Amino acid sequence: MNSDISIELRDVCVAFKTRKSFFRHSEKLALRNVSFNVYRGETLGVVGRNGCGKSTLLKVLSGVFSPDSGTIKHHDKQITLQTLSAGFDNELSGRDNALISSMLLGKTKKEATLHLAQVLDFSELGTAFDMPVKTYSAGMKARLGFSVALAIDAQVLLVDEVLGVGDKAFQEKAEQAMINKINSNMTVVFVSHVPKQIESLCTRVVWLEDGFVKDVGETSVVMPKYYASL
């Protein structure tokens, strides 16, 4: 195994059942024979039209979804996925969810508790931090999830569209925090609906189209091809 590789995907397929009628189902392939490596310390962007499989890919990379065929190998074990619908317990407060998320990623309760002030400060949730997450907007959940991810210092950070949440000031703060993580050699994979973010932050890009890898390579090479296809 190349010691520079964090995650390896080989011929990964993921299928979802869709209902054709009350008695019949068919399968739709969300990912089709996807193969590439994620390298340690790189920032990898994922681009493609809506419904092309970007969010599914991040869930596979995180281990939330298992491939129906093909293989995925994780050489780094501390991986955190942050999405606009982060997997929090809606009945618990933001504080309790932040604590549990940190502990699930290997922190002791004492270590996780020490991170709470940092999470509260960055998320700007104020008194809502101690309210049930079911009272949060999607943007508030994303801010909480992103703030937890920053505090945890996982080996691999997977980010799905959360850099665009909140007001302009928060977006700029989140982007600067991402730059700081990139400069610290954390491995980052992220999806953004803002191509300029991909261009400014990513060293390489995976371009998905209808579940296939249309192209993968340096950002300066792949993005012009992607723009030309739109």
C-alpha atoms as a PDB file:
ATOM      1  CA  MET A   1       0.000   0.000   0.000  1.00  0.00           C
ATOM      2  CA  ASN A   2       1.280   3.457  -0.908  1.00  0.00           C
ATOM      3  CA  SER A   3       1.719   5.250   2.432  1.00  0.00           C
ATOM      4  CA  ASP A   4       0.453   8.473   0.835  1.00  0.00           C
ATOM      5  CA  ILE A   5      -3.012   7.015   0.206  1.00  0.00           C
ATOM      6  CA  SER A   6      -5.784   7.745   2.707  1.00  0.00           C
ATOM      7  CA  ILE A   7      -8.752   6.126   0.911  1.00  0.00           C
ATOM      8  CA  GLU A   8      -8.841   3.788  -2.103  1.00  0.00           C
ATOM      9  CA  LEU A   9     -11.928   3.136  -4.231  1.00  0.00           C
ATOM     10  CA  ARG A  10     -11.970   0.436  -6.912  1.00  0.00           C
ATOM     11  CA  ASP A  11     -14.963  -0.176  -9.194  1.00  0.00           C
ATOM     12  CA  VAL A  12     -17.396   1.005  -6.510  1.00  0.00           C
ATOM     13  CA  CYS A  13     -21.099   0.736  -7.340  1.00  0.00           C
ATOM     14  CA  VAL A  14     -23.994   1.853  -5.136  1.00  0.00           C
ATOM     15  CA  ALA A  15     -27.596   1.072  -6.072  1.00  0.00           C
ATOM     16  CA  PHE A  16     -30.867   2.364  -4.649  1.00  0.00           C
ATOM     17  CA  LYS A  17     -34.243   0.706  -5.037  1.00  0.00           C
ATOM     18  CA  THR A  18     -36.920   2.814  -6.720  1.00  0.00           C
ATOM     19  CA  ARG A  19     -40.611   1.920  -6.768  1.00  0.00           C
ATOM     20  CA  LYS A  20     -42.063   1.248 -10.246  1.00  0.00           C
ATOM     21  CA  SER A  21     -45.435   0.128  -8.943  1.00  0.00           C
ATOM     22  CA  PHE A  22     -46.961  -1.110  -5.688  1.00  0.00           C
ATOM     23  CA  PHE A  23     -45.495  -4.583  -6.244  1.00  0.00           C
ATOM     24  CA  ARG A  24     -42.406  -3.861  -8.328  1.00  0.00           C
ATOM     25  CA  HIS A  25     -39.102  -2.160  -7.662  1.00  0.00           C
ATOM     26  CA  SER A  26     -36.165  -1.372  -9.870  1.00  0.00           C
ATOM     27  CA  GLU A  27     -32.603  -0.409  -9.023  1.00  0.00           C
ATOM     28  CA  LYS A  28     -30.962   2.895  -9.872  1.00  0.00           C
ATOM     29  CA  LEU A  29     -27.185   3.059  -9.797  1.00  0.00           C
ATOM     30  CA  ALA A  30     -26.094   6.167  -7.909  1.00  0.00           C
ATOM     31  CA  LEU A  31     -22.399   5.332  -8.378  1.00  0.00           C
ATOM     32  CA  ARG A  32     -21.067   3.291 -11.301  1.00  0.00           C
ATOM     33  CA  ASN A  33     -17.620   1.675 -11.232  1.00  0.00           C
ATOM     34  CA  VAL A  34     -16.023   4.580  -9.387  1.00  0.00           C
ATOM     35  CA  SER A  35     -12.249   4.291  -8.975  1.00  0.00           C
ATOM     36  CA  PHE A  36      -9.779   6.817  -7.582  1.00  0.00           C
ATOM     37  CA  ASN A  37      -7.514   7.473  -4.586  1.00  0.00           C
ATOM     38  CA  VAL A  38      -7.730  10.154  -1.919  1.00  0.00           C
ATOM     39  CA  TYR A  39      -4.193  11.129  -0.906  1.00  0.00           C
ATOM     40  CA  ARG A  40      -3.112  12.191   2.565  1.00  0.00           C
ATOM     41  CA  GLY A  41      -2.912  15.942   2.993  1.00  0.00           C
ATOM     42  CA  GLU A  42      -4.663  16.796  -0.258  1.00  0.00           C
ATOM     43  CA  THR A  43      -7.820  18.837  -0.776  1.00  0.00           C
ATOM     44  CA  LEU A  44     -10.050  17.047  -3.261  1.00  0.00           C
ATOM     45  CA  GLY A  45     -13.113  18.715  -4.757  1.00  0.00           C
ATOM     46  CA  VAL A  46     -16.135  16.856  -6.121  1.00  0.00           C
ATOM     47  CA  VAL A  47     -18.147  18.513  -8.892  1.00  0.00           C
ATOM     48  CA  GLY A  48     -21.082  17.528 -11.076  1.00  0.00           C
ATOM     49  CA  ARG A  49     -24.688  18.349 -11.808  1.00  0.00           C
ATOM     50  CA  ASN A  50     -27.438  17.799  -9.225  1.00  0.00           C
ATOM     51  CA  GLY A  51     -28.208  14.106  -8.830  1.00  0.00           C
ATOM     52  CA  CYS A  52     -24.892  12.896 -10.251  1.00  0.00           C
ATOM     53  CA  GLY A  53     -23.907  11.075  -7.036  1.00  0.00           C
ATOM     54  CA  LYS A  54     -21.772  13.614  -5.159  1.00  0.00           C
ATOM     55  CA  SER A  55     -23.457  13.234  -1.755  1.00  0.00           C
ATOM     56  CA  THR A  56     -23.621   9.452  -2.156  1.00  0.00           C
ATOM     57  CA  LEU A  57     -19.891   9.415  -2.856  1.00  0.00           C
ATOM     58  CA  LEU A  58     -19.138  11.300   0.370  1.00  0.00           C
ATOM     59  CA  LYS A  59     -21.297   8.844   2.325  1.00  0.00           C
ATOM     60  CA  VAL A  60     -19.315   5.957   0.825  1.00  0.00           C
ATOM     61  CA  LEU A  61     -16.019   7.660   1.649  1.00  0.00           C
ATOM     62  CA  SER A  62     -17.183   8.140   5.249  1.00  0.00           C
ATOM     63  CA  GLY A  63     -18.411   4.560   5.649  1.00  0.00           C
ATOM     64  CA  VAL A  64     -22.070   5.566   6.080  1.00  0.00           C
ATOM     65  CA  PHE A  65     -22.883   3.629   2.881  1.00  0.00           C
ATOM     66  CA  SER A  66     -21.230   0.367   1.862  1.00  0.00           C
ATOM     67  CA  PRO A  67     -20.652  -0.401  -1.829  1.00  0.00           C
ATOM     68  CA  ASP A  68     -22.965  -2.929  -3.468  1.00  0.00           C
ATOM     69  CA  SER A  69     -19.942  -4.007  -5.487  1.00  0.00           C
ATOM     70  CA  GLY A  70     -16.316  -2.972  -5.726  1.00  0.00           C
ATOM     71  CA  THR A  71     -14.022  -2.197  -2.814  1.00  0.00           C
ATOM     72  CA  ILE A  72     -13.115   0.724  -0.582  1.00  0.00           C
ATOM     73  CA  LYS A  73     -10.123   0.735   1.760  1.00  0.00           C
ATOM     74  CA  HIS A  74      -9.711   3.262   4.576  1.00  0.00           C
ATOM     75  CA  HIS A  75      -6.111   3.691   5.698  1.00  0.00           C
ATOM     76  CA  ASP A  76      -7.040   6.549   8.048  1.00  0.00           C
ATOM     77  CA  LYS A  77      -9.727   5.727  10.594  1.00  0.00           C
ATOM     78  CA  GLN A  78     -10.740   9.133  11.978  1.00  0.00           C
ATOM     79  CA  ILE A  79     -13.115  10.388   9.291  1.00  0.00           C
ATOM     80  CA  THR A  80     -15.896  12.905   9.834  1.00  0.00           C
ATOM     81  CA  LEU A  81     -18.677  13.790   7.383  1.00  0.00           C
ATOM     82  CA  GLN A  82     -20.493  17.116   7.651  1.00  0.00           C
ATOM     83  CA  THR A  83     -23.637  17.711   5.605  1.00  0.00           C
ATOM     84  CA  LEU A  84     -26.581  20.099   5.619  1.00  0.00           C
ATOM     85  CA  SER A  85     -28.512  17.289   7.320  1.00  0.00           C
ATOM     86  CA  ALA A  86     -25.812  16.201   9.763  1.00  0.00           C
ATOM     87  CA  GLY A  87     -26.726  13.026  11.654  1.00  0.00           C
ATOM     88  CA  PHE A  88     -27.617  14.601  14.968  1.00  0.00           C
ATOM     89  CA  ASP A  89     -30.187  13.376  17.501  1.00  0.00           C
ATOM     90  CA  ASN A  90     -32.995  15.912  17.122  1.00  0.00           C
ATOM     91  CA  GLU A  91     -34.165  15.439  20.708  1.00  0.00           C
ATOM     92  CA  LEU A  92     -30.797  16.373  22.204  1.00  0.00           C
ATOM     93  CA  SER A  93     -29.314  19.845  22.468  1.00  0.00           C
ATOM     94  CA  GLY A  94     -26.566  21.156  20.238  1.00  0.00           C
ATOM     95  CA  ARG A  95     -24.202  20.875  23.201  1.00  0.00           C
ATOM     96  CA  ASP A  96     -25.025  17.198  23.812  1.00  0.00           C
ATOM     97  CA  ASN A  97     -24.783  16.380  20.102  1.00  0.00           C
ATOM     98  CA  ALA A  98     -21.382  18.066  19.902  1.00  0.00           C
ATOM     99  CA  LEU A  99     -20.201  16.062  22.917  1.00  0.00           C
ATOM    100  CA  ILE A 100     -21.438  12.739  21.505  1.00  0.00           C
ATOM    101  CA  SER A 101     -20.039  13.412  18.022  1.00  0.00           C
ATOM    102  CA  SER A 102     -16.596  14.091  19.476  1.00  0.00           C
ATOM    103  CA  MET A 103     -16.675  10.928  21.589  1.00  0.00           C
ATOM    104  CA  LEU A 104     -17.798   8.798  18.625  1.00  0.00           C
ATOM    105  CA  LEU A 105     -14.661   9.972  16.836  1.00  0.00           C
ATOM    106  CA  GLY A 106     -12.418   8.741  19.614  1.00  0.00           C
ATOM    107  CA  LYS A 107     -12.206  11.645  22.056  1.00  0.00           C
ATOM    108  CA  THR A 108     -12.548  10.977  25.775  1.00  0.00           C
ATOM    109  CA  LYS A 109     -15.434  12.698  27.542  1.00  0.00           C
ATOM    110  CA  LYS A 110     -12.955  15.096  29.145  1.00  0.00           C
ATOM    111  CA  GLU A 111     -11.373  15.955  25.772  1.00  0.00           C
ATOM    112  CA  ALA A 112     -14.777  16.339  24.120  1.00  0.00           C
ATOM    113  CA  THR A 113     -16.000  18.611  26.915  1.00  0.00           C
ATOM    114  CA  LEU A 114     -12.968  20.862  26.472  1.00  0.00           C
ATOM    115  CA  HIS A 115     -13.930  21.338  22.805  1.00  0.00           C
ATOM    116  CA  LEU A 116     -17.454  22.583  23.573  1.00  0.00           C
ATOM    117  CA  ALA A 117     -16.468  26.213  24.127  1.00  0.00           C
ATOM    118  CA  GLN A 118     -14.704  26.223  20.753  1.00  0.00           C
ATOM    119  CA  VAL A 119     -17.773  24.720  19.055  1.00  0.00           C
ATOM    120  CA  LEU A 120     -20.095  27.276  20.639  1.00  0.00           C
ATOM    121  CA  ASP A 121     -17.840  30.178  19.720  1.00  0.00           C
ATOM    122  CA  PHE A 122     -17.352  29.200  16.084  1.00  0.00           C
ATOM    123  CA  SER A 123     -20.963  28.159  15.409  1.00  0.00           C
ATOM    124  CA  GLU A 124     -22.348  31.451  16.770  1.00  0.00           C
ATOM    125  CA  LEU A 125     -25.418  29.559  18.022  1.00  0.00           C
ATOM    126  CA  GLY A 126     -25.617  31.472  21.307  1.00  0.00           C
ATOM    127  CA  THR A 127     -28.385  30.253  23.609  1.00  0.00           C
ATOM    128  CA  ALA A 128     -29.614  27.880  20.873  1.00  0.00           C
ATOM    129  CA  PHE A 129     -26.595  25.686  21.686  1.00  0.00           C
ATOM    130  CA  ASP A 130     -28.553  24.384  24.691  1.00  0.00           C
ATOM    131  CA  MET A 131     -31.831  23.933  22.803  1.00  0.00           C
ATOM    132  CA  PRO A 132     -32.972  20.705  21.075  1.00  0.00           C
ATOM    133  CA  VAL A 133     -31.590  20.334  17.564  1.00  0.00           C
ATOM    134  CA  LYS A 134     -35.154  19.769  16.299  1.00  0.00           C
ATOM    135  CA  THR A 135     -35.657  23.523  16.764  1.00  0.00           C
ATOM    136  CA  TYR A 136     -32.700  24.320  14.455  1.00  0.00           C
ATOM    137  CA  SER A 137     -32.894  25.404  10.849  1.00  0.00           C
ATOM    138  CA  ALA A 138     -30.878  23.427   8.283  1.00  0.00           C
ATOM    139  CA  GLY A 139     -28.299  26.209   8.313  1.00  0.00           C
ATOM    140  CA  MET A 140     -27.934  26.075  12.097  1.00  0.00           C
ATOM    141  CA  LYS A 141     -27.400  22.302  11.956  1.00  0.00           C
ATOM    142  CA  ALA A 142     -24.751  22.751   9.285  1.00  0.00           C
ATOM    143  CA  ARG A 143     -22.982  25.417  11.346  1.00  0.00           C
ATOM    144  CA  LEU A 144     -23.004  23.105  14.368  1.00  0.00           C
ATOM    145  CA  GLY A 145     -21.679  20.175  12.346  1.00  0.00           C
ATOM    146  CA  PHE A 146     -18.943  22.211  10.696  1.00  0.00           C
ATOM    147  CA  SER A 147     -17.885  23.647  14.062  1.00  0.00           C
ATOM    148  CA  VAL A 148     -17.714  20.162  15.614  1.00  0.00           C
ATOM    149  CA  ALA A 149     -15.595  18.946  12.697  1.00  0.00           C
ATOM    150  CA  LEU A 150     -13.160  21.824  13.167  1.00  0.00           C
ATOM    151  CA  ALA A 151     -12.808  21.100  16.881  1.00  0.00           C
ATOM    152  CA  ILE A 152     -12.337  17.347  16.512  1.00  0.00           C
ATOM    153  CA  ASP A 153      -9.271  17.429  14.239  1.00  0.00           C
ATOM    154  CA  ALA A 154     -10.145  14.197  12.451  1.00  0.00           C
ATOM    155  CA  GLN A 155      -7.634  12.773   9.982  1.00  0.00           C
ATOM    156  CA  VAL A 156     -10.076  13.161   7.083  1.00  0.00           C
ATOM    157  CA  LEU A 157     -12.767  15.838   6.781  1.00  0.00           C
ATOM    158  CA  LEU A 158     -15.615  15.306   4.290  1.00  0.00           C
ATOM    159  CA  VAL A 159     -17.731  18.406   3.698  1.00  0.00           C
ATOM    160  CA  ASP A 160     -20.997  18.433   1.734  1.00  0.00           C
ATOM    161  CA  GLU A 161     -22.190  21.925   0.745  1.00  0.00           C
ATOM    162  CA  VAL A 162     -21.813  23.464   4.209  1.00  0.00           C
ATOM    163  CA  LEU A 163     -19.477  26.315   3.252  1.00  0.00           C
ATOM    164  CA  GLY A 164     -22.445  28.174   1.781  1.00  0.00           C
ATOM    165  CA  VAL A 165     -24.559  28.329   4.951  1.00  0.00           C
ATOM    166  CA  GLY A 166     -25.199  31.365   7.110  1.00  0.00           C
ATOM    167  CA  ASP A 167     -24.624  35.000   6.280  1.00  0.00           C
ATOM    168  CA  LYS A 168     -21.689  36.298   4.250  1.00  0.00           C
ATOM    169  CA  ALA A 169     -19.563  36.908   7.348  1.00  0.00           C
ATOM    170  CA  PHE A 170     -20.021  33.307   8.534  1.00  0.00           C
ATOM    171  CA  GLN A 171     -19.307  31.953   5.036  1.00  0.00           C
ATOM    172  CA  GLU A 172     -16.047  33.894   4.924  1.00  0.00           C
ATOM    173  CA  LYS A 173     -15.116  32.648   8.406  1.00  0.00           C
ATOM    174  CA  ALA A 174     -15.887  29.050   7.421  1.00  0.00           C
ATOM    175  CA  GLU A 175     -13.828  29.330   4.247  1.00  0.00           C
ATOM    176  CA  GLN A 176     -10.866  30.749   6.183  1.00  0.00           C
ATOM    177  CA  ALA A 177     -11.168  27.906   8.701  1.00  0.00           C
ATOM    178  CA  MET A 178     -11.113  25.453   5.804  1.00  0.00           C
ATOM    179  CA  ILE A 179      -7.963  27.119   4.451  1.00  0.00           C
ATOM    180  CA  ASN A 180      -6.348  26.749   7.884  1.00  0.00           C
ATOM    181  CA  LYS A 181      -7.197  23.027   7.908  1.00  0.00           C
ATOM    182  CA  ILE A 182      -5.786  22.637   4.404  1.00  0.00           C
ATOM    183  CA  ASN A 183      -2.575  24.366   5.458  1.00  0.00           C
ATOM    184  CA  SER A 184      -2.301  21.994   8.433  1.00  0.00           C
ATOM    185  CA  ASN A 185      -2.149  19.049   5.984  1.00  0.00           C
ATOM    186  CA  MET A 186      -5.526  17.604   6.973  1.00  0.00           C
ATOM    187  CA  THR A 187      -7.053  15.490   4.202  1.00  0.00           C
ATOM    188  CA  VAL A 188     -10.187  17.259   2.949  1.00  0.00           C
ATOM    189  CA  VAL A 189     -12.808  16.161   0.419  1.00  0.00           C
ATOM    190  CA  PHE A 190     -15.609  18.568  -0.254  1.00  0.00           C
ATOM    191  CA  VAL A 191     -18.607  19.234  -2.443  1.00  0.00           C
ATOM    192  CA  SER A 192     -19.540  22.818  -3.199  1.00  0.00           C
ATOM    193  CA  HIS A 193     -22.146  24.379  -5.470  1.00  0.00           C
ATOM    194  CA  VAL A 194     -19.765  27.339  -5.826  1.00  0.00           C
ATOM    195  CA  PRO A 195     -17.138  26.398  -8.454  1.00  0.00           C
ATOM    196  CA  LYS A 196     -14.875  29.271  -7.395  1.00  0.00           C
ATOM    197  CA  GLN A 197     -14.490  27.618  -3.971  1.00  0.00           C
ATOM    198  CA  ILE A 198     -13.363  24.420  -5.672  1.00  0.00           C
ATOM    199  CA  GLU A 199     -10.867  26.343  -7.789  1.00  0.00           C
ATOM    200  CA  SER A 200      -9.431  28.315  -4.881  1.00  0.00           C
ATOM    201  CA  LEU A 201      -9.244  25.498  -2.321  1.00  0.00           C
ATOM    202  CA  CYS A 202      -8.694  22.216  -4.174  1.00  0.00           C
ATOM    203  CA  THR A 203      -5.529  20.711  -5.593  1.00  0.00           C
ATOM    204  CA  ARG A 204      -7.444  17.981  -7.461  1.00  0.00           C
ATOM    205  CA  VAL A 205     -11.019  17.449  -8.627  1.00  0.00           C
ATOM    206  CA  VAL A 206     -13.269  14.449  -9.251  1.00  0.00           C
ATOM    207  CA  TRP A 207     -15.950  15.189 -11.861  1.00  0.00           C
ATOM    208  CA  LEU A 208     -19.004  12.946 -11.581  1.00  0.00           C
ATOM    209  CA  GLU A 209     -21.592  12.531 -14.314  1.00  0.00           C
ATOM    210  CA  ASP A 210     -24.561  10.154 -13.952  1.00  0.00           C
ATOM    211  CA  GLY A 211     -22.679   8.234 -11.268  1.00  0.00           C
ATOM    212  CA  PHE A 212     -19.537   7.759 -13.373  1.00  0.00           C
ATOM    213  CA  VAL A 213     -16.160   9.412 -12.892  1.00  0.00           C
ATOM    214  CA  LYS A 214     -16.034  11.599 -15.986  1.00  0.00           C
ATOM    215  CA  ASP A 215     -12.574  12.887 -15.097  1.00  0.00           C
ATOM    216  CA  VAL A 216     -10.184  13.161 -12.166  1.00  0.00           C
ATOM    217  CA  GLY A 217      -7.037  15.236 -12.019  1.00  0.00           C
ATOM    218  CA  GLU A 218      -5.539  18.614 -11.273  1.00  0.00           C
ATOM    219  CA  THR A 219      -8.075  21.381 -10.712  1.00  0.00           C
ATOM    220  CA  SER A 220      -6.643  23.579 -13.466  1.00  0.00           C
ATOM    221  CA  VAL A 221      -7.100  20.737 -15.970  1.00  0.00           C
ATOM    222  CA  VAL A 222     -10.496  19.325 -14.951  1.00  0.00           C
ATOM    223  CA  MET A 223     -12.485  22.501 -14.210  1.00  0.00           C
ATOM    224  CA  PRO A 224     -12.270  24.015 -17.738  1.00  0.00           C
ATOM    225  CA  LYS A 225     -13.631  20.731 -19.134  1.00  0.00           C
ATOM    226  CA  TYR A 226     -16.424  20.768 -16.564  1.00  0.00           C
ATOM    227  CA  TYR A 227     -17.360  24.374 -17.383  1.00  0.00           C
ATOM    228  CA  ALA A 228     -17.435  23.536 -21.095  1.00  0.00           C
ATOM    229  CA  SER A 229     -19.954  20.741 -20.436  1.00  0.00           C
ATOM    230  CA  LEU A 230     -22.484  22.979 -18.672  1.00  0.00           C
END
